[in-house]
Amino acid sequence: MSRRKAIGFLLTALNTLGCSYFGTYLFFLLQQQHGFGNRDNLLTCALHGLIYVPAARMGGRFAERHGLTTSFKVGFLTMAAAMLAGGLMQSLVGVFVTLFVWTIGMCFTWPALEAHATHGETEAGTKRMVGIYNITWSGCAGLMYFLGGSLYEWLGARSLFWIPTVIFTSQLLLTLWLESLPHSPAPPPVSTMPHHPEEAALHQPISPETFLKMAWLANPFSYIAIHSFLAVVPGRSAELGLNIAQSGWFWSVWFLVRLGTFIVLWRWSGWRYRFRWMLAAFLGLIASYVVLQLGHSLPLLVAGQVLFGLATGLLYYSSLFYSMDVGDTQGEHGGIHEAAIGIGICLGPAVGAGALFLAPGQPRAGALGVSALLLVGLAGLLKLRLRR
C-alpha cells in the first residue's frame, strides 16, 4: 500500500472517531442538559439527515470536480470550526448551529474518502480497498461507541466538542502533508482505467445497474433503522437502568458485529450480485429492529444486536461496493451513496417522531411507525427485483 493510501485510511479512522463521538453521544447531552425525550431526539436526528442529503450530493460533486484533497480541506476546516464554536457556546441554539455546520462539513469528507480509497486502482484493487475502508471506519465506530460513554462521564459533556476539534484539526494538518507527497507514477490516469463490473455480475438475471439501484434503495432503509434506534438509545438505556458508560459498552455489540461482517464480506465474494443475500439482510434488519426497540431481556437484546450488525453490514457493504464497482465516477457515486444514507437518517426519525406526535400516549408508536416504513422498503426492493 502506498503512503498516500495509508494516510487516506488514517484520515478515515480519525474522521470516524471524531464524527462518531459527537454524532452518537449528542443525544445524551440533549437528554441530560436540555430535557429532550425520544420524540425531540428523533426530530433532531431528522434535521441532521435533512441537511445531510443535499450536502452529500454537493460534497460528492465537489470532490469529483475540484479534487479529493481540496474537498478534505474544506470539510475538515469546516468541522473543526463548528466544534470550536460549539465548545465555546453553552446554549441549545449553539448546539444546533454546531450540528448544522458540522453536518455540511462532514459531507465534504466521506465521498472524498471513499473515492480516495479506490482512486487509480485496478478492478481487483478496488475490491481490496473497499474492504480495507469498511473495516477501518466500522472498527473505529465500534471502538468509539464502546469507549464514548466512559469518555463522556470522565471528561464531561463539553468533551463532545473539544475532542472532535482536536481530531478534525489534526486531519487538516495531515491533508496538507498528503498534498506535499508526490503522486506515484505507476498507476495510469483514472480515465484510462474504466471499472467494469466483475464477471459474476454478467451471469445474473439482474443487471449490475439494477443491483446498484437496489443497494441505493436498501442502504437508506438500513440507516432508517440505525438512526431511529440511536436517537432513542438514551431512553432505552434509562429503561434498562444503564448509565452512559454502561450504555456504550452494551449497545456497542452490533457495531462490533458489523465490523466482523465487513471482514467476512471482504474475504468472501459469494454474496456479490446475488439478490438472496440482500433480501435476507433486509428481512433480518426488520426483525432485529423490532427486537431492539421492544425487547426487555438483555440476552434477547444481545441476540437482536448480532442480527442487526449482520444485516446493516451487508446492506452498507452492498451499497458502497456497487457504487465503486459500477461505473467510473467514484467521487460522484460516493456522493449518491452518502446522500442515500442521509435520506435514511432523515426519514426514519421523522416518521418515528411523527408517530409519537400522533399517539403521544403510546411510547412504542415511533418504533411501530418505523417498522411499517421498513416494510415499505422491502416492497420496493422486491419490485425492483421483479421488474425487467
Protein backbone atom coordinates (compact mmCIF):
# COMPACT_ATOMS: atom_id res chain seq x y z
CA MET A 1 0.00 0.00 0.00
CA SER A 2 1.35 3.45 -0.92
CA ARG A 3 1.96 6.16 1.64
CA ARG A 4 -0.84 8.25 0.14
CA LYS A 5 -3.32 5.39 0.58
CA ALA A 6 -2.15 4.81 4.15
CA ILE A 7 -2.68 8.47 5.02
CA GLY A 8 -6.14 8.26 3.44
CA PHE A 9 -7.08 5.36 5.71
CA LEU A 10 -5.67 7.22 8.72
CA LEU A 11 -7.90 10.17 7.79
CA THR A 12 -10.84 7.75 7.57
CA ALA A 13 -10.10 6.36 11.03
CA LEU A 14 -9.79 9.81 12.61
CA ASN A 15 -12.92 11.05 10.83
CA THR A 16 -14.89 8.13 12.21
CA LEU A 17 -13.65 8.71 15.76
CA GLY A 18 -14.50 12.42 15.73
CA CYS A 19 -17.84 12.16 13.96
CA SER A 20 -18.99 9.11 15.93
CA TYR A 21 -18.30 10.68 19.31
CA PHE A 22 -20.23 13.85 18.57
CA GLY A 23 -22.92 12.30 16.37
CA THR A 24 -23.96 9.47 18.70
CA TYR A 25 -23.45 10.91 22.19
CA LEU A 26 -25.07 14.24 21.30
CA PHE A 27 -28.41 12.61 22.17
CA PHE A 28 -27.25 12.05 25.75
CA LEU A 29 -26.23 15.72 26.06
CA LEU A 30 -29.63 16.83 24.76
CA GLN A 31 -31.37 14.47 27.18
CA GLN A 32 -29.37 15.46 30.25
CA GLN A 33 -28.84 19.20 29.75
CA HIS A 34 -31.88 20.22 27.71
CA GLY A 35 -34.55 17.73 28.77
CA PHE A 36 -35.01 16.06 25.39
CA GLY A 37 -37.06 12.88 25.23
CA ASN A 38 -37.33 10.30 22.46
CA ARG A 39 -39.52 12.49 20.26
CA ASP A 40 -37.21 15.51 20.49
CA ASN A 41 -34.11 13.42 19.83
CA LEU A 42 -35.79 11.84 16.81
CA LEU A 43 -36.61 15.29 15.42
CA THR A 44 -33.01 16.37 15.96
CA CYS A 45 -31.78 13.34 14.06
CA ALA A 46 -34.26 14.01 11.26
CA LEU A 47 -32.97 17.58 10.96
CA HIS A 48 -29.41 16.24 10.70
CA GLY A 49 -30.49 13.91 7.89
CA LEU A 50 -32.39 16.67 6.09
CA ILE A 51 -29.18 18.72 5.90
CA TYR A 52 -27.10 15.66 5.04
CA VAL A 53 -28.91 14.78 1.80
CA PRO A 54 -28.17 17.90 -0.32
CA ALA A 55 -24.81 18.42 1.39
CA ALA A 56 -23.64 14.90 0.46
CA ARG A 57 -24.64 15.35 -3.18
CA MET A 58 -22.85 18.68 -3.21
CA GLY A 59 -19.80 17.17 -1.50
CA GLY A 60 -19.60 14.29 -3.98
CA ARG A 61 -19.76 16.62 -6.98
CA PHE A 62 -17.24 18.98 -5.40
CA ALA A 63 -14.76 16.15 -4.83
CA GLU A 64 -15.17 14.93 -8.40
CA ARG A 65 -14.66 18.36 -9.94
CA HIS A 66 -12.17 20.09 -7.63
CA GLY A 67 -10.10 17.21 -6.32
CA LEU A 68 -10.17 14.95 -3.29
CA THR A 69 -7.63 16.79 -1.13
CA THR A 70 -9.38 20.11 -1.74
CA SER A 71 -12.61 18.51 -0.55
CA PHE A 72 -10.75 17.15 2.50
CA LYS A 73 -9.50 20.61 3.44
CA VAL A 74 -12.92 22.23 3.09
CA GLY A 75 -14.57 19.51 5.16
CA PHE A 76 -12.02 19.24 7.97
CA LEU A 77 -11.70 23.01 8.36
CA THR A 78 -15.49 23.45 8.46
CA MET A 79 -15.96 20.69 11.04
CA ALA A 80 -13.12 21.95 13.25
CA ALA A 81 -14.57 25.49 13.20
CA ALA A 82 -18.05 24.17 14.04
CA MET A 83 -16.78 22.14 17.00
CA LEU A 84 -14.66 25.01 18.32
CA ALA A 85 -17.67 27.33 18.21
CA GLY A 86 -19.86 24.68 19.85
CA GLY A 87 -17.37 24.27 22.68
CA LEU A 88 -17.50 28.00 23.40
CA MET A 89 -21.30 28.26 23.29
CA GLN A 90 -23.38 26.78 26.10
CA SER A 91 -26.90 27.28 24.72
CA LEU A 92 -29.25 24.95 22.89
CA VAL A 93 -29.07 27.27 19.87
CA GLY A 94 -25.29 26.81 19.92
CA VAL A 95 -25.71 23.04 19.83
CA PHE A 96 -27.96 23.21 16.78
CA VAL A 97 -25.72 25.68 14.95
CA THR A 98 -22.82 23.30 15.56
CA LEU A 99 -24.88 20.35 14.31
CA PHE A 100 -25.87 22.24 11.15
CA VAL A 101 -22.36 23.40 10.18
CA TRP A 102 -20.70 20.11 11.19
CA THR A 103 -23.11 18.14 9.01
CA ILE A 104 -22.29 20.22 5.96
CA GLY A 105 -18.56 19.96 6.56
CA MET A 106 -18.72 16.21 7.11
CA CYS A 107 -20.38 15.73 3.72
CA PHE A 108 -17.26 17.09 2.00
CA THR A 109 -15.18 14.34 3.64
CA TRP A 110 -16.95 10.98 3.29
CA PRO A 111 -17.48 10.93 -0.51
CA ALA A 112 -13.87 12.06 -0.98
CA LEU A 113 -12.51 9.48 1.48
CA GLU A 114 -14.44 6.70 -0.27
CA ALA A 115 -13.15 7.83 -3.67
CA HIS A 116 -9.59 8.22 -2.36
CA ALA A 117 -9.59 4.59 -1.20
CA THR A 118 -10.30 3.33 -4.74
CA HIS A 119 -8.70 6.09 -6.83
CA GLY A 120 -6.38 4.73 -9.52
CA GLU A 121 -6.99 1.10 -8.56
CA THR A 122 -7.49 -1.90 -10.82
CA GLU A 123 -10.72 -3.87 -10.52
CA ALA A 124 -9.10 -6.26 -8.03
CA GLY A 125 -7.56 -3.33 -6.18
CA THR A 126 -10.93 -1.61 -5.91
CA LYS A 127 -12.44 -4.62 -4.13
CA ARG A 128 -9.46 -4.83 -1.77
CA MET A 129 -9.55 -1.13 -0.93
CA VAL A 130 -13.31 -1.08 -0.33
CA GLY A 131 -12.79 -3.91 2.15
CA ILE A 132 -9.99 -2.09 3.99
CA TYR A 133 -12.02 1.12 4.00
CA ASN A 134 -15.08 -0.56 5.52
CA ILE A 135 -13.03 -2.35 8.17
CA THR A 136 -11.27 0.90 9.08
CA TRP A 137 -14.32 3.05 9.63
CA SER A 138 -16.52 0.36 11.19
CA GLY A 139 -13.78 -0.70 13.60
CA CYS A 140 -13.27 2.88 14.75
CA ALA A 141 -17.05 3.42 15.03
CA GLY A 142 -17.36 0.39 17.28
CA LEU A 143 -14.36 1.44 19.38
CA MET A 144 -15.66 4.96 19.87
CA TYR A 145 -19.16 3.84 20.80
CA PHE A 146 -17.71 1.38 23.30
CA LEU A 147 -15.45 4.00 24.91
CA GLY A 148 -17.53 7.10 24.25
CA GLY A 149 -19.80 6.75 27.27
CA SER A 150 -16.81 6.45 29.58
CA LEU A 151 -15.16 9.49 27.97
CA TYR A 152 -18.38 11.46 28.36
CA GLU A 153 -18.65 10.66 32.07
CA TRP A 154 -14.92 11.14 32.75
CA LEU A 155 -14.27 14.34 30.75
CA GLY A 156 -17.74 15.88 30.83
CA ALA A 157 -20.29 16.85 28.21
CA ARG A 158 -18.12 19.61 26.70
CA SER A 159 -15.68 16.93 25.55
CA LEU A 160 -18.22 16.24 22.79
CA PHE A 161 -16.88 19.43 21.19
CA TRP A 162 -13.23 19.62 22.30
CA ILE A 163 -12.18 16.08 21.33
CA PRO A 164 -13.56 16.35 17.77
CA THR A 165 -11.97 19.83 17.45
CA VAL A 166 -8.54 18.31 18.08
CA ILE A 167 -9.23 15.38 15.75
CA PHE A 168 -10.50 17.48 12.82
CA THR A 169 -7.61 19.94 13.16
CA SER A 170 -5.17 17.02 13.06
CA GLN A 171 -6.84 15.79 9.89
CA LEU A 172 -6.41 19.17 8.26
CA LEU A 173 -2.68 19.07 9.02
CA LEU A 174 -2.45 15.52 7.69
CA THR A 175 -4.14 16.62 4.48
CA LEU A 176 -1.55 19.35 3.97
CA TRP A 177 1.14 16.68 4.34
CA LEU A 178 -0.74 14.43 1.90
CA GLU A 179 -0.75 17.21 -0.69
CA SER A 180 3.02 17.56 -0.41
CA LEU A 181 3.67 13.92 -1.23
CA PRO A 182 4.50 13.03 -4.84
CA HIS A 183 1.98 11.02 -6.79
CA SER A 184 3.07 7.53 -7.70
CA PRO A 185 3.81 7.32 -11.45
CA ALA A 186 2.82 3.66 -11.65
CA PRO A 187 -1.00 3.81 -11.99
CA PRO A 188 -2.21 5.28 -15.27
CA PRO A 189 -4.81 8.06 -15.15
CA VAL A 190 -8.24 7.01 -13.97
CA SER A 191 -9.75 7.90 -17.34
CA THR A 192 -7.70 5.09 -18.96
CA MET A 193 -8.74 2.53 -16.35
CA PRO A 194 -12.51 2.09 -16.68
CA HIS A 195 -14.09 -0.02 -13.96
CA HIS A 196 -16.20 -2.85 -15.34
CA PRO A 197 -18.41 -4.90 -13.01
CA GLU A 198 -16.86 -8.22 -12.06
CA GLU A 199 -17.55 -11.31 -14.16
CA ALA A 200 -20.18 -12.74 -11.76
CA ALA A 201 -22.38 -9.69 -12.39
CA LEU A 202 -22.74 -10.56 -16.05
CA HIS A 203 -24.25 -14.00 -15.41
CA GLN A 204 -27.19 -12.92 -13.24
CA PRO A 205 -30.81 -12.31 -14.29
CA ILE A 206 -30.45 -8.78 -12.90
CA SER A 207 -28.16 -6.20 -14.48
CA PRO A 208 -25.31 -4.64 -12.46
CA GLU A 209 -27.05 -1.27 -12.71
CA THR A 210 -30.17 -2.76 -11.11
CA PHE A 211 -28.09 -4.18 -8.27
CA LEU A 212 -26.69 -0.69 -7.76
CA LYS A 213 -30.22 0.76 -7.64
CA MET A 214 -31.36 -1.94 -5.19
CA ALA A 215 -28.37 -1.22 -2.96
CA TRP A 216 -29.06 2.51 -3.10
CA LEU A 217 -32.63 1.72 -2.02
CA ALA A 218 -31.79 -0.80 0.70
CA ASN A 219 -28.99 1.10 2.43
CA PRO A 220 -31.13 4.16 3.30
CA PHE A 221 -33.61 1.82 4.96
CA SER A 222 -30.72 0.38 6.93
CA TYR A 223 -29.97 3.90 8.15
CA ILE A 224 -33.65 4.48 8.83
CA ALA A 225 -33.39 1.66 11.35
CA ILE A 226 -29.94 2.66 12.67
CA HIS A 227 -30.68 6.30 13.40
CA SER A 228 -34.25 5.73 14.58
CA PHE A 229 -32.64 3.46 17.14
CA LEU A 230 -29.58 5.58 18.04
CA ALA A 231 -31.80 8.59 18.74
CA VAL A 232 -33.74 6.68 21.40
CA VAL A 233 -30.78 4.85 22.96
CA PRO A 234 -30.74 7.28 25.93
CA GLY A 235 -34.37 6.43 26.61
CA ARG A 236 -33.85 2.69 26.10
CA SER A 237 -30.80 2.77 28.38
CA ALA A 238 -32.80 4.52 31.11
CA GLU A 239 -35.46 1.79 30.85
CA LEU A 240 -32.78 -0.86 31.35
CA GLY A 241 -31.09 1.00 34.21
CA LEU A 242 -27.84 1.67 32.30
CA ASN A 243 -25.72 4.76 32.87
CA ILE A 244 -23.92 6.42 29.95
CA ALA A 245 -20.74 4.35 30.24
CA GLN A 246 -22.69 1.08 30.55
CA SER A 247 -24.85 2.12 27.62
CA GLY A 248 -21.74 2.50 25.47
CA TRP A 249 -20.49 -0.95 26.45
CA PHE A 250 -23.82 -2.71 25.97
CA TRP A 251 -25.03 -1.12 22.74
CA SER A 252 -21.63 -1.44 21.03
CA VAL A 253 -22.29 -5.15 20.34
CA TRP A 254 -23.95 -4.53 16.99
CA PHE A 255 -21.15 -2.15 15.94
CA LEU A 256 -18.58 -4.88 16.55
CA VAL A 257 -20.70 -7.50 14.76
CA ARG A 258 -20.93 -5.14 11.78
CA LEU A 259 -17.12 -4.93 11.78
CA GLY A 260 -16.89 -8.73 11.71
CA THR A 261 -19.44 -8.80 8.88
CA PHE A 262 -17.34 -6.41 6.84
CA ILE A 263 -14.28 -8.64 7.29
CA VAL A 264 -16.21 -11.71 6.10
CA LEU A 265 -17.73 -9.88 3.11
CA TRP A 266 -14.31 -8.54 2.16
CA ARG A 267 -12.73 -12.00 2.07
CA TRP A 268 -15.72 -13.92 0.68
CA SER A 269 -17.22 -12.87 -2.65
CA GLY A 270 -20.19 -15.26 -2.80
CA TRP A 271 -22.65 -12.54 -1.77
CA ARG A 272 -21.84 -10.18 -4.66
CA TYR A 273 -24.56 -9.71 -7.28
CA ARG A 274 -26.82 -12.28 -5.58
CA PHE A 275 -30.22 -10.98 -4.63
CA ARG A 276 -30.96 -13.60 -1.97
CA TRP A 277 -28.28 -12.18 0.33
CA MET A 278 -29.65 -8.67 0.07
CA LEU A 279 -33.18 -9.95 0.71
CA ALA A 280 -32.08 -11.96 3.76
CA ALA A 281 -30.30 -8.91 5.15
CA PHE A 282 -33.38 -6.73 4.72
CA LEU A 283 -35.61 -9.27 6.47
CA GLY A 284 -33.05 -9.54 9.28
CA LEU A 285 -32.97 -5.75 9.55
CA ILE A 286 -36.73 -5.56 10.16
CA ALA A 287 -36.77 -8.41 12.69
CA SER A 288 -33.79 -7.13 14.66
CA TYR A 289 -35.09 -3.55 14.72
CA VAL A 290 -38.32 -4.69 16.33
CA VAL A 291 -36.37 -6.65 18.95
CA LEU A 292 -34.08 -3.71 19.78
CA GLN A 293 -36.99 -1.31 20.16
CA LEU A 294 -39.44 -3.53 22.01
CA GLY A 295 -37.35 -6.17 23.81
CA HIS A 296 -36.57 -6.05 27.54
CA SER A 297 -34.49 -9.18 28.13
CA LEU A 298 -30.74 -8.45 27.96
CA PRO A 299 -29.91 -11.79 26.25
CA LEU A 300 -32.64 -11.16 23.68
CA LEU A 301 -31.30 -7.66 23.05
CA VAL A 302 -27.78 -9.02 22.55
CA ALA A 303 -29.14 -11.54 20.02
CA GLY A 304 -31.03 -8.72 18.31
CA GLN A 305 -27.84 -6.68 18.12
CA VAL A 306 -25.99 -9.59 16.49
CA LEU A 307 -28.64 -9.85 13.77
CA PHE A 308 -28.76 -6.07 13.42
CA GLY A 309 -24.99 -5.92 12.88
CA LEU A 310 -25.10 -8.67 10.26
CA ALA A 311 -27.95 -7.02 8.35
CA THR A 312 -26.66 -3.45 8.41
CA GLY A 313 -23.18 -4.66 7.50
CA LEU A 314 -24.28 -6.43 4.34
CA LEU A 315 -26.59 -3.64 3.21
CA TYR A 316 -23.95 -0.96 3.69
CA TYR A 317 -21.22 -3.03 2.04
CA SER A 318 -23.51 -3.69 -0.93
CA SER A 319 -24.19 0.00 -1.46
CA LEU A 320 -20.56 1.07 -1.28
CA PHE A 321 -19.23 -1.90 -3.24
CA TYR A 322 -21.69 -1.49 -6.13
CA SER A 323 -21.14 2.30 -6.09
CA MET A 324 -17.43 1.74 -6.66
CA ASP A 325 -17.77 -1.31 -8.96
CA VAL A 326 -20.33 0.02 -11.43
CA GLY A 327 -19.05 2.99 -13.44
CA ASP A 328 -16.08 5.33 -13.26
CA THR A 329 -17.26 8.40 -11.31
CA GLN A 330 -16.37 7.13 -7.84
CA GLY A 331 -16.47 10.58 -6.25
CA GLU A 332 -19.97 11.34 -7.53
CA HIS A 333 -21.18 7.80 -6.85
CA GLY A 334 -19.81 8.19 -3.34
CA GLY A 335 -21.88 11.35 -3.01
CA ILE A 336 -25.03 9.49 -4.10
CA HIS A 337 -24.20 6.69 -1.65
CA GLU A 338 -23.85 9.25 1.16
CA ALA A 339 -26.96 11.19 0.10
CA ALA A 340 -28.94 7.95 0.23
CA ILE A 341 -27.65 7.47 3.78
CA GLY A 342 -28.87 10.99 4.58
CA ILE A 343 -32.35 10.14 3.32
CA GLY A 344 -32.45 7.26 5.79
CA ILE A 345 -31.09 9.41 8.62
CA CYS A 346 -33.88 11.94 8.00
CA LEU A 347 -36.85 9.79 7.03
CA GLY A 348 -36.74 7.16 9.78
CA PRO A 349 -36.50 9.53 12.76
CA ALA A 350 -39.06 11.86 11.13
CA VAL A 351 -41.57 9.01 10.86
CA GLY A 352 -40.80 7.92 14.43
CA ALA A 353 -41.28 11.45 15.76
CA GLY A 354 -44.46 11.90 13.73
CA ALA A 355 -45.92 8.70 15.15
CA LEU A 356 -45.18 9.92 18.68
CA PHE A 357 -46.88 13.24 17.90
CA LEU A 358 -49.98 11.40 16.66
CA ALA A 359 -50.05 8.94 19.55
CA PRO A 360 -48.36 10.69 22.49
CA GLY A 361 -49.79 8.17 24.93
CA GLN A 362 -48.15 5.23 23.16
CA PRO A 363 -44.38 5.23 23.85
CA ARG A 364 -43.79 2.50 21.25
CA ALA A 365 -45.67 4.31 18.48
CA GLY A 366 -42.41 5.56 16.97
CA ALA A 367 -40.97 2.05 16.73
CA LEU A 368 -44.15 0.74 15.11
CA GLY A 369 -44.20 3.59 12.59
CA VAL A 370 -40.60 2.98 11.55
CA SER A 371 -41.25 -0.79 11.32
CA ALA A 372 -44.10 -0.10 8.89
CA LEU A 373 -41.77 2.13 6.87
CA LEU A 374 -39.21 -0.70 6.68
CA LEU A 375 -41.90 -2.96 5.24
CA VAL A 376 -42.49 -0.36 2.52
CA GLY A 377 -38.78 -0.54 1.74
CA LEU A 378 -38.99 -4.32 1.47
CA ALA A 379 -41.82 -3.98 -1.04
CA GLY A 380 -39.75 -1.53 -3.08
CA LEU A 381 -36.78 -3.92 -3.10
CA LEU A 382 -38.97 -6.76 -4.36
CA LYS A 383 -40.47 -4.51 -7.02
CA LEU A 384 -37.00 -3.69 -8.38
CA ARG A 385 -36.12 -7.38 -8.42
CA LEU A 386 -39.23 -8.37 -10.34
CA ARG A 387 -39.12 -5.51 -12.84
CA ARG A 388 -37.50 -6.37 -16.16
